[in-house]
Structures are given as C-alpha cells and as structure tokens.
Amino acid sequence: MFKHIFERIEGIGQYPLFSLLVFLTFFIGVGLWAYTLGKPYVAHMGQLPLDEQPTNPTTDAQPCK
C-alpha cells in the first residue's frame, strides 16, 4: 500500500539522500567537537560522577523542606 503512495510523489528519491547528509554532517560535527576537547576538560568531566564533594555549592545545595 505504501509503495503505491510513494510512487506517486515526485522527487521522493531526494529525501533519503538529504537525511543521510544531515546525519553524516551531525555525526562528523560531534566527532570533531569531541576530538578537539582538551584533555583537562575530559578528565574533569570523567571524574564528576566520582566526586563526593560538590564543586559549586550554590547549584548543588540541598532542597528546602
């Protein structure tokens, strides 16, 4: 059923190519961003889940009762 509907749409073949290009652009952009991150920043972010003390007491404060 869908095959017959898609056959009647003109230019439908461009959408998969456009989707692939958007995906590749985003994927390459995120890869380049991750590659250019500094090692100190990556090490700091890697240690955040393991830190026992909050780094910013104003945002890590306990909620009011």
C-alpha atoms as a PDB file:
ATOM      1  CA  MET A   1       0.000   0.000   0.000  1.00  0.00           C
ATOM      2  CA  PHE A   2       2.697   2.497   0.972  1.00  0.00           C
ATOM      3  CA  LYS A   3       4.727   1.570  -2.072  1.00  0.00           C
ATOM      4  CA  HIS A   4       1.964   2.809  -4.360  1.00  0.00           C
ATOM      5  CA  ILE A   5       1.578   6.043  -2.410  1.00  0.00           C
ATOM      6  CA  PHE A   6       5.317   6.773  -2.508  1.00  0.00           C
ATOM      7  CA  GLU A   7       5.493   6.039  -6.231  1.00  0.00           C
ATOM      8  CA  ARG A   8       3.126   8.940  -6.927  1.00  0.00           C
ATOM      9  CA  ILE A   9       5.182  11.517  -5.001  1.00  0.00           C
ATOM     10  CA  GLU A  10       7.550  13.351  -7.302  1.00  0.00           C
ATOM     11  CA  GLY A  11      11.119  13.803  -6.072  1.00  0.00           C
ATOM     12  CA  ILE A  12      10.754  11.240  -3.274  1.00  0.00           C
ATOM     13  CA  GLY A  13      14.212   9.883  -4.051  1.00  0.00           C
ATOM     14  CA  GLN A  14      15.841  13.053  -2.740  1.00  0.00           C
ATOM     15  CA  TYR A  15      14.638  12.595   0.846  1.00  0.00           C
ATOM     16  CA  PRO A  16      16.815   9.575   1.745  1.00  0.00           C
ATOM     17  CA  LEU A  17      19.886  11.335   0.379  1.00  0.00           C
ATOM     18  CA  PHE A  18      19.054  14.518   2.296  1.00  0.00           C
ATOM     19  CA  SER A  19      18.523  12.512   5.504  1.00  0.00           C
ATOM     20  CA  LEU A  20      21.852  10.756   5.056  1.00  0.00           C
ATOM     21  CA  LEU A  21      23.661  14.058   4.516  1.00  0.00           C
ATOM     22  CA  VAL A  22      22.081  15.600   7.630  1.00  0.00           C
ATOM     23  CA  PHE A  23      23.046  12.547   9.702  1.00  0.00           C
ATOM     24  CA  LEU A  24      26.631  12.469   8.413  1.00  0.00           C
ATOM     25  CA  THR A  25      27.071  16.220   8.941  1.00  0.00           C
ATOM     26  CA  PHE A  26      25.846  15.968  12.527  1.00  0.00           C
ATOM     27  CA  PHE A  27      27.901  12.825  13.238  1.00  0.00           C
ATOM     28  CA  ILE A  28      31.104  14.330  11.804  1.00  0.00           C
ATOM     29  CA  GLY A  29      30.468  17.609  13.668  1.00  0.00           C
ATOM     30  CA  VAL A  30      30.076  15.850  17.010  1.00  0.00           C
ATOM     31  CA  GLY A  31      33.146  13.744  16.274  1.00  0.00           C
ATOM     32  CA  LEU A  32      35.243  16.823  15.520  1.00  0.00           C
ATOM     33  CA  TRP A  33      33.947  18.572  18.637  1.00  0.00           C
ATOM     34  CA  ALA A  34      34.865  15.550  20.787  1.00  0.00           C
ATOM     35  CA  TYR A  35      38.292  15.312  19.159  1.00  0.00           C
ATOM     36  CA  THR A  36      39.099  18.978  19.839  1.00  0.00           C
ATOM     37  CA  LEU A  37      38.167  18.857  23.532  1.00  0.00           C
ATOM     38  CA  GLY A  38      41.085  19.471  25.845  1.00  0.00           C
ATOM     39  CA  LYS A  39      42.403  16.624  27.962  1.00  0.00           C
ATOM     40  CA  PRO A  40      41.919  18.549  31.239  1.00  0.00           C
ATOM     41  CA  TYR A  41      38.243  19.115  30.394  1.00  0.00           C
ATOM     42  CA  VAL A  42      37.712  15.453  29.547  1.00  0.00           C
ATOM     43  CA  ALA A  43      39.481  14.339  32.728  1.00  0.00           C
ATOM     44  CA  HIS A  44      37.383  16.757  34.801  1.00  0.00           C
ATOM     45  CA  MET A  45      34.136  15.545  33.254  1.00  0.00           C
ATOM     46  CA  GLY A  46      35.227  11.935  33.729  1.00  0.00           C
ATOM     47  CA  GLN A  47      35.741  12.499  37.451  1.00  0.00           C
ATOM     48  CA  LEU A  48      32.432  14.320  38.054  1.00  0.00           C
ATOM     49  CA  PRO A  49      30.359  11.209  38.802  1.00  0.00           C
ATOM     50  CA  LEU A  50      33.013  10.073  41.290  1.00  0.00           C
ATOM     51  CA  ASP A  51      33.397  13.344  43.213  1.00  0.00           C
ATOM     52  CA  GLU A  52      31.974  13.240  46.723  1.00  0.00           C
ATOM     53  CA  GLN A  53      32.010  16.987  47.361  1.00  0.00           C
ATOM     54  CA  PRO A  54      30.011  19.412  45.215  1.00  0.00           C
ATOM     55  CA  THR A  55      32.077  21.735  43.067  1.00  0.00           C
ATOM     56  CA  ASN A  56      29.504  24.547  43.134  1.00  0.00           C
ATOM     57  CA  PRO A  57      27.676  24.868  46.455  1.00  0.00           C
ATOM     58  CA  THR A  58      25.020  27.236  45.070  1.00  0.00           C
ATOM     59  CA  THR A  59      23.730  24.793  42.461  1.00  0.00           C
ATOM     60  CA  ASP A  60      24.406  21.621  44.475  1.00  0.00           C
ATOM     61  CA  ALA A  61      22.618  22.758  47.620  1.00  0.00           C
ATOM     62  CA  GLN A  62      20.086  20.543  49.331  1.00  0.00           C
ATOM     63  CA  PRO A  63      16.430  21.331  48.600  1.00  0.00           C
ATOM     64  CA  CYS A  64      14.449  23.224  51.225  1.00  0.00           C
ATOM     65  CA  LYS A  65      11.997  21.268  53.362  1.00  0.00           C
END
